[in-house]
Amino acid sequence: MIYSIAGNATEADLLRFAEELGNALERMSFLKSDKLHDADLVLNLIDADDPKPFRRRSRGTFAAAIHVVPELPQDILKLNYPLLVRALANQVLVYVPDEGVWFTTPERGHYGELADGNITSLAERVIARLVPLATARLVIDNEFRTDLEPELWDGDEVADDVRTAGTRLGDLALLPAPFPVEELLDERDLRQVKRLYGIGGLSYGNLSARKDSTRFWMSASGVDKSQLETVGRDILLVSDYDEPNAQIVLSVPPMIEPRRVSVDAIEHWMIYQAHPDVGAILHVHCWMEGIDATEINYPCGTEELARSVSDLVDAQPDPAHAVIGLRNHGITATGESLAEILDRIEPRVLRQVPMS
């Protein structure tokens, strides 16, 4: 594995810490390269007032933007989240000398590693958190096949159930998120997010319902889940998984320019394949007490996150009616139908996701 250090930061504390991070990576057998676009992991040292974005040429490159502040901020999320956009980063880390390092993810996860008086030890712990995320395998590409049966071009009863559940999520104030990203980004940054990801609004979470033994309807990426209307654009039929090429296969109508399916389709695919009695799956950015949770907060759309959640579903006493926590992220719930899931979890949902 190869890493590089980029950026425009000049603070001595940050440069020293970056050197320690590099040493920690090399102890894990990473090799340093000055060729940024050859790297698997780029540590982008930024000036928070004028961050220089690292523009990846490959989805396989993980960019971690790092900046330094002299004292611990009151609101880590509010400080770091806009920098995800401005630095085009997978994660943003803020280093506070003698205090620690705090991470922020696109899913609004924010958590830290406290300093212990040993900068080398702190760097080791930061890298131990970062490397599993940076090396995870993304499964976010789609193969679109215009082979959807004509009688499904407008959906069916199952697709209608997905639409209804999306509307209900909106009524429950779980969309676009329990804590809307609009509160964290100013108008300029919000426009940038919408432009980068080609979306008209921000709407976290996703939902799906089984069509038959191998296929399921699922919400598209970046659409308002409370307004799922058009098949191929807002709701898509997942029909297969091309594992060698890491592509989700979608059956779409021939006359629609399709959207990509939700990045969590690989997670839903694994659960449906393992459990024929699961009729629906819901993922939202909230929490429930007393649930089993993943150990590592892998990025959305990675095979590792999908496998972690699927394995925990497997281990539940009743996998067909399970609720699994995704660390620093949200929950995934299985059930007979989306309505049944919402009926079951609504009384127990906590809007605040615990961070650790």
Protein backbone atom coordinates (compact mmCIF):
# COMPACT_ATOMS: atom_id res chain seq x y z
CA MET A 1 0.00 0.00 0.00
CA ILE A 2 1.18 3.53 -0.82
CA TYR A 3 0.60 6.80 1.01
CA SER A 4 1.36 10.43 0.19
CA ILE A 5 1.28 13.73 2.05
CA ALA A 6 -0.23 16.74 0.28
CA GLY A 7 -1.63 20.13 1.18
CA ASN A 8 -0.89 23.77 1.89
CA ALA A 9 -0.66 23.84 5.69
CA THR A 10 2.47 25.33 7.28
CA GLU A 11 1.81 25.03 11.03
CA ALA A 12 4.77 23.40 12.78
CA ASP A 13 2.55 21.33 15.11
CA LEU A 14 0.64 19.86 12.17
CA LEU A 15 3.79 19.13 10.13
CA ARG A 16 5.32 17.32 13.09
CA PHE A 17 2.17 15.28 13.67
CA ALA A 18 1.98 14.42 9.97
CA GLU A 19 5.52 13.07 10.19
CA GLU A 20 4.45 10.84 13.09
CA LEU A 21 1.43 9.65 11.09
CA GLY A 22 3.73 8.78 8.18
CA ASN A 23 6.05 6.85 10.49
CA ALA A 24 3.07 4.93 11.86
CA LEU A 25 1.96 4.05 8.32
CA GLU A 26 5.42 2.85 7.41
CA ARG A 27 5.45 0.61 10.47
CA MET A 28 2.32 -0.93 8.93
CA SER A 29 4.30 -1.55 5.69
CA PHE A 30 2.91 1.43 3.78
CA LEU A 31 5.36 2.99 1.33
CA LYS A 32 5.60 6.76 0.89
CA SER A 33 5.39 8.25 -2.60
CA ASP A 34 5.56 11.83 -3.89
CA LYS A 35 3.28 10.82 -6.75
CA LEU A 36 -0.02 11.74 -5.15
CA HIS A 37 -2.27 10.02 -7.66
CA ASP A 38 -0.49 6.68 -7.18
CA ALA A 39 -1.39 6.66 -3.48
CA ASP A 40 -4.00 4.53 -1.78
CA LEU A 41 -4.13 7.00 1.13
CA VAL A 42 -3.46 10.74 0.93
CA LEU A 43 -2.98 12.80 4.09
CA ASN A 44 -4.00 16.27 2.92
CA LEU A 45 -2.67 18.89 5.36
CA ILE A 46 -5.01 21.85 5.06
CA ASP A 47 -5.34 25.39 6.27
CA ALA A 48 -8.92 25.46 7.52
CA ASP A 49 -9.35 29.07 6.41
CA ASP A 50 -8.20 28.28 2.88
CA PRO A 51 -8.24 24.51 2.37
CA LYS A 52 -6.59 23.19 -0.77
CA PRO A 53 -8.70 20.28 -2.04
CA PHE A 54 -7.10 17.04 -3.13
CA ARG A 55 -8.77 16.09 -6.41
CA ARG A 56 -8.70 12.32 -6.72
CA ARG A 57 -8.32 10.68 -10.09
CA SER A 58 -9.40 7.32 -8.72
CA ARG A 59 -12.18 6.28 -6.38
CA GLY A 60 -9.65 3.91 -4.86
CA THR A 61 -7.73 6.82 -3.32
CA PHE A 62 -8.82 7.70 0.22
CA ALA A 63 -8.27 11.36 1.13
CA ALA A 64 -8.03 12.35 4.77
CA ALA A 65 -7.89 16.11 5.30
CA ILE A 66 -6.07 17.16 8.50
CA HIS A 67 -5.91 20.57 10.14
CA VAL A 68 -4.80 21.93 13.50
CA VAL A 69 -6.45 24.25 16.03
CA PRO A 70 -4.89 25.53 19.28
CA GLU A 71 -7.68 24.45 21.60
CA LEU A 72 -10.56 21.99 21.65
CA PRO A 73 -13.58 23.40 19.72
CA GLN A 74 -17.00 23.38 21.32
CA ASP A 75 -18.63 21.80 18.25
CA ILE A 76 -16.39 19.37 16.35
CA LEU A 77 -19.07 18.55 13.78
CA LYS A 78 -19.77 22.18 12.94
CA LEU A 79 -16.04 22.88 12.60
CA ASN A 80 -15.10 19.86 10.49
CA TYR A 81 -18.13 19.12 8.34
CA PRO A 82 -17.81 22.04 5.90
CA LEU A 83 -14.18 21.07 5.35
CA LEU A 84 -15.29 17.69 3.97
CA VAL A 85 -16.76 19.64 1.07
CA ARG A 86 -14.10 22.31 0.71
CA ALA A 87 -11.23 19.81 0.84
CA LEU A 88 -13.09 17.08 -1.16
CA ALA A 89 -12.17 14.65 1.61
CA ASN A 90 -13.38 11.21 2.69
CA GLN A 91 -12.73 12.25 6.29
CA VAL A 92 -11.61 15.37 8.12
CA LEU A 93 -9.37 15.17 11.18
CA VAL A 94 -8.69 18.08 13.51
CA TYR A 95 -5.51 17.86 15.59
CA VAL A 96 -5.44 19.70 18.93
CA PRO A 97 -1.92 19.52 20.39
CA ASP A 98 -1.89 18.00 23.88
CA GLU A 99 -5.62 17.19 23.57
CA GLY A 100 -6.04 14.66 20.76
CA VAL A 101 -7.48 14.14 17.27
CA TRP A 102 -11.16 14.23 16.27
CA PHE A 103 -12.57 12.61 13.13
CA THR A 104 -15.62 13.63 11.08
CA THR A 105 -17.24 11.48 8.39
CA PRO A 106 -19.72 12.32 5.58
CA GLU A 107 -22.38 10.46 7.59
CA ARG A 108 -21.83 13.05 10.36
CA GLY A 109 -19.98 10.60 12.57
CA HIS A 110 -17.59 12.49 14.84
CA TYR A 111 -15.35 10.90 17.44
CA GLY A 112 -11.88 11.28 18.84
CA GLU A 113 -8.65 9.81 20.13
CA LEU A 114 -7.40 11.55 23.26
CA ALA A 115 -3.75 12.51 23.71
CA ASP A 116 -1.79 10.64 26.36
CA GLY A 117 1.34 12.77 26.42
CA ASN A 118 3.01 10.64 23.73
CA ILE A 119 2.61 11.98 20.18
CA THR A 120 3.86 8.70 18.69
CA SER A 121 1.21 6.73 20.58
CA LEU A 122 -1.50 9.15 19.46
CA ALA A 123 -0.39 8.85 15.83
CA GLU A 124 -0.46 5.05 16.09
CA ARG A 125 -4.04 5.09 17.38
CA VAL A 126 -5.18 7.54 14.72
CA ILE A 127 -3.68 5.40 11.96
CA ALA A 128 -5.23 2.26 13.48
CA ARG A 129 -8.63 3.95 13.10
CA LEU A 130 -7.93 5.37 9.65
CA VAL A 131 -6.36 2.46 7.76
CA PRO A 132 -9.35 0.06 7.86
CA LEU A 133 -11.48 2.82 6.36
CA ALA A 134 -8.90 3.78 3.74
CA THR A 135 -8.36 0.22 2.55
CA ALA A 136 -12.01 -0.89 2.41
CA ARG A 137 -13.35 -2.03 -0.98
CA LEU A 138 -15.99 0.23 -2.50
CA VAL A 139 -18.98 -1.34 -4.26
CA ILE A 140 -20.72 1.74 -5.65
CA ASP A 141 -20.56 1.19 -9.41
CA ASN A 142 -23.73 0.18 -11.22
CA GLU A 143 -24.43 -1.78 -14.38
CA PHE A 144 -27.67 -0.64 -15.98
CA ARG A 145 -29.57 -3.18 -18.06
CA THR A 146 -32.67 -2.06 -19.95
CA ASP A 147 -34.32 -5.42 -19.36
CA LEU A 148 -36.98 -4.41 -16.85
CA GLU A 149 -40.28 -6.08 -17.74
CA PRO A 150 -42.72 -3.55 -19.28
CA GLU A 151 -45.32 -4.35 -16.65
CA LEU A 152 -42.83 -3.04 -14.03
CA TRP A 153 -41.99 0.25 -15.76
CA ASP A 154 -44.35 2.05 -13.40
CA GLY A 155 -43.54 -0.22 -10.46
CA ASP A 156 -45.82 -2.64 -8.64
CA GLU A 157 -47.32 -3.14 -5.19
CA VAL A 158 -43.88 -3.68 -3.66
CA ALA A 159 -42.50 -0.48 -5.21
CA ASP A 160 -45.60 1.31 -3.90
CA ASP A 161 -44.74 0.06 -0.39
CA VAL A 162 -41.27 1.60 -0.76
CA ARG A 163 -42.83 4.92 -1.80
CA THR A 164 -45.24 4.85 1.15
CA ALA A 165 -42.48 4.04 3.63
CA GLY A 166 -40.35 6.88 2.28
CA THR A 167 -43.21 9.31 2.85
CA ARG A 168 -43.62 7.97 6.36
CA LEU A 169 -39.92 8.51 7.09
CA GLY A 170 -40.39 12.12 6.12
CA ASP A 171 -43.41 12.41 8.42
CA LEU A 172 -41.30 10.99 11.26
CA ALA A 173 -38.70 13.74 10.70
CA LEU A 174 -36.01 11.16 9.89
CA LEU A 175 -35.36 12.76 6.50
CA PRO A 176 -33.22 14.32 5.27
CA ALA A 177 -31.63 13.51 8.63
CA PRO A 178 -32.44 13.86 12.33
CA PHE A 179 -29.94 16.75 12.32
CA PRO A 180 -30.16 18.26 8.81
CA VAL A 181 -26.86 18.88 7.08
CA GLU A 182 -28.23 22.29 6.09
CA GLU A 183 -27.49 23.30 9.70
CA LEU A 184 -23.81 22.43 9.20
CA LEU A 185 -23.15 23.90 5.75
CA ASP A 186 -23.53 27.46 4.55
CA GLU A 187 -25.31 28.18 1.27
CA ARG A 188 -22.09 28.04 -0.80
CA ASP A 189 -21.02 24.67 0.60
CA LEU A 190 -24.52 23.24 0.24
CA ARG A 191 -24.54 24.22 -3.44
CA GLN A 192 -21.15 22.54 -3.81
CA VAL A 193 -22.43 19.29 -2.29
CA LYS A 194 -25.46 19.28 -4.58
CA ARG A 195 -23.27 19.97 -7.61
CA LEU A 196 -20.64 17.36 -6.71
CA TYR A 197 -23.14 14.59 -6.10
CA GLY A 198 -25.75 15.62 -8.67
CA ILE A 199 -28.61 15.79 -6.21
CA GLY A 200 -31.45 18.22 -5.69
CA GLY A 201 -31.54 17.71 -1.95
CA LEU A 202 -29.81 15.84 0.82
CA SER A 203 -31.57 12.77 2.11
CA TYR A 204 -29.67 10.27 4.20
CA GLY A 205 -30.75 6.68 4.69
CA ASN A 206 -32.22 4.16 2.30
CA LEU A 207 -34.96 1.55 2.11
CA SER A 208 -35.68 -1.56 0.09
CA ALA A 209 -38.28 -4.32 -0.28
CA ARG A 210 -37.95 -7.79 -1.75
CA LYS A 211 -39.55 -8.32 -5.17
CA ASP A 212 -38.82 -12.04 -5.49
CA SER A 213 -36.19 -14.60 -4.53
CA THR A 214 -33.31 -12.70 -6.16
CA ARG A 215 -34.48 -9.12 -6.77
CA PHE A 216 -35.47 -6.14 -4.65
CA TRP A 217 -36.69 -2.56 -5.11
CA MET A 218 -34.43 0.08 -3.54
CA SER A 219 -34.26 3.85 -3.24
CA ALA A 220 -31.80 5.70 -5.45
CA SER A 221 -28.76 7.58 -4.22
CA GLY A 222 -29.15 11.24 -3.33
CA VAL A 223 -32.93 11.50 -3.76
CA ASP A 224 -35.48 12.73 -1.27
CA LYS A 225 -36.78 9.46 0.19
CA SER A 226 -40.09 11.12 1.04
CA GLN A 227 -40.75 11.72 -2.67
CA LEU A 228 -39.94 8.46 -4.43
CA GLU A 229 -41.84 8.61 -7.70
CA THR A 230 -40.25 7.38 -10.93
CA VAL A 231 -38.98 3.83 -11.49
CA GLY A 232 -35.40 3.98 -12.75
CA ARG A 233 -34.85 7.43 -11.31
CA ASP A 234 -36.08 7.34 -7.68
CA ILE A 235 -36.68 3.61 -7.18
CA LEU A 236 -34.57 0.93 -8.85
CA LEU A 237 -34.81 -2.83 -9.18
CA VAL A 238 -31.61 -4.52 -8.03
CA SER A 239 -31.36 -7.76 -9.99
CA ASP A 240 -27.81 -9.05 -9.43
CA TYR A 241 -24.33 -8.41 -8.04
CA ASP A 242 -21.29 -8.70 -10.32
CA GLU A 243 -18.75 -9.51 -7.61
CA PRO A 244 -15.56 -9.67 -9.77
CA ASN A 245 -16.24 -6.15 -11.06
CA ALA A 246 -17.80 -4.87 -7.80
CA GLN A 247 -20.93 -3.69 -9.61
CA ILE A 248 -24.57 -3.70 -8.57
CA VAL A 249 -26.72 -4.79 -11.52
CA LEU A 250 -29.93 -2.83 -12.07
CA SER A 251 -32.88 -3.56 -14.35
CA VAL A 252 -34.30 -0.27 -15.63
CA PRO A 253 -36.86 0.94 -18.20
CA PRO A 254 -35.39 1.83 -21.60
CA MET A 255 -36.79 5.37 -21.74
CA ILE A 256 -35.39 6.66 -18.39
CA GLU A 257 -31.95 8.10 -17.72
CA PRO A 258 -31.36 6.15 -14.51
CA ARG A 259 -29.82 7.28 -11.25
CA ARG A 260 -27.39 5.17 -9.30
CA VAL A 261 -28.89 3.03 -6.61
CA SER A 262 -28.10 3.76 -2.96
CA VAL A 263 -24.48 3.01 -2.06
CA ASP A 264 -25.73 0.57 0.59
CA ALA A 265 -27.18 -1.78 -2.03
CA ILE A 266 -24.34 -4.26 -1.43
CA GLU A 267 -25.34 -4.48 2.24
CA HIS A 268 -28.98 -5.14 1.36
CA TRP A 269 -27.94 -7.67 -1.30
CA MET A 270 -25.92 -9.69 1.22
CA ILE A 271 -28.74 -9.74 3.77
CA TYR A 272 -31.43 -10.73 1.26
CA GLN A 273 -29.23 -13.50 -0.16
CA ALA A 274 -28.51 -14.95 3.28
CA HIS A 275 -32.05 -14.69 4.61
CA PRO A 276 -34.92 -15.55 2.24
CA ASP A 277 -37.43 -14.67 4.96
CA VAL A 278 -36.31 -11.01 5.11
CA GLY A 279 -38.94 -9.02 3.21
CA ALA A 280 -37.61 -5.49 3.66
CA ILE A 281 -34.60 -3.52 4.95
CA LEU A 282 -34.44 0.02 6.31
CA HIS A 283 -31.36 2.13 7.06
CA VAL A 284 -31.68 5.47 8.88
CA HIS A 285 -29.30 7.76 10.74
CA CYS A 286 -30.72 7.34 14.22
CA TRP A 287 -30.14 4.88 17.07
CA MET A 288 -31.78 2.37 19.42
CA GLU A 289 -30.57 1.28 22.82
CA GLY A 290 -29.56 -2.31 23.52
CA ILE A 291 -28.60 -3.31 19.97
CA ASP A 292 -25.48 -5.04 18.68
CA ALA A 293 -23.24 -2.76 16.64
CA THR A 294 -20.32 -2.93 14.23
CA GLU A 295 -16.83 -2.42 15.66
CA ILE A 296 -15.42 -0.28 12.83
CA ASN A 297 -17.21 2.59 11.10
CA TYR A 298 -16.38 1.54 7.55
CA PRO A 299 -17.52 3.99 4.85
CA CYS A 300 -20.92 3.58 3.22
CA GLY A 301 -20.83 1.43 0.11
CA THR A 302 -17.92 -0.75 1.14
CA GLU A 303 -17.87 -4.51 1.11
CA GLU A 304 -16.45 -4.48 4.63
CA LEU A 305 -19.36 -2.50 6.08
CA ALA A 306 -21.84 -4.73 4.26
CA ARG A 307 -20.15 -7.87 5.58
CA SER A 308 -20.00 -6.51 9.14
CA VAL A 309 -23.72 -5.72 9.18
CA SER A 310 -24.69 -8.94 7.42
CA ASP A 311 -22.66 -11.01 9.89
CA LEU A 312 -24.36 -9.32 12.83
CA VAL A 313 -27.78 -9.96 11.28
CA ASP A 314 -26.78 -13.63 10.92
CA ALA A 315 -25.96 -13.77 14.63
CA GLN A 316 -29.32 -12.42 15.83
CA PRO A 317 -31.89 -14.76 17.41
CA ASP A 318 -34.38 -13.69 14.71
CA PRO A 319 -32.45 -12.36 11.67
CA ALA A 320 -35.71 -11.58 9.86
CA HIS A 321 -36.64 -9.02 12.56
CA ALA A 322 -33.25 -7.59 13.52
CA VAL A 323 -31.89 -4.12 14.27
CA ILE A 324 -28.14 -3.61 13.91
CA GLY A 325 -26.16 -0.53 14.87
CA LEU A 326 -23.56 0.91 12.51
CA ARG A 327 -20.94 2.52 14.70
CA ASN A 328 -20.97 6.34 14.63
CA HIS A 329 -23.51 6.16 11.82
CA GLY A 330 -27.04 4.76 12.29
CA ILE A 331 -29.07 1.56 12.21
CA THR A 332 -30.08 -1.12 9.71
CA ALA A 333 -33.33 -3.00 10.41
CA THR A 334 -34.82 -6.08 8.76
CA GLY A 335 -38.46 -7.09 8.73
CA GLU A 336 -41.43 -8.61 6.94
CA SER A 337 -42.20 -5.26 5.28
CA LEU A 338 -41.14 -1.65 5.61
CA ALA A 339 -44.38 -0.84 7.41
CA GLU A 340 -43.73 -3.63 9.92
CA ILE A 341 -40.18 -2.34 10.52
CA LEU A 342 -41.38 1.22 11.11
CA ASP A 343 -44.15 0.07 13.45
CA ARG A 344 -41.59 -1.89 15.46
CA ILE A 345 -38.79 0.66 15.73
CA GLU A 346 -40.70 3.97 15.88
CA PRO A 347 -41.35 3.87 19.66
CA ARG A 348 -37.66 3.19 20.39
CA VAL A 349 -35.84 5.43 17.92
CA LEU A 350 -33.32 7.89 19.39
CA ARG A 351 -32.45 10.84 17.17
CA GLN A 352 -28.92 11.14 18.60
CA VAL A 353 -26.42 8.57 17.31
CA PRO A 354 -23.81 7.88 20.03
CA MET A 355 -20.23 8.60 19.00
CA SER A 356 -17.26 6.63 20.22
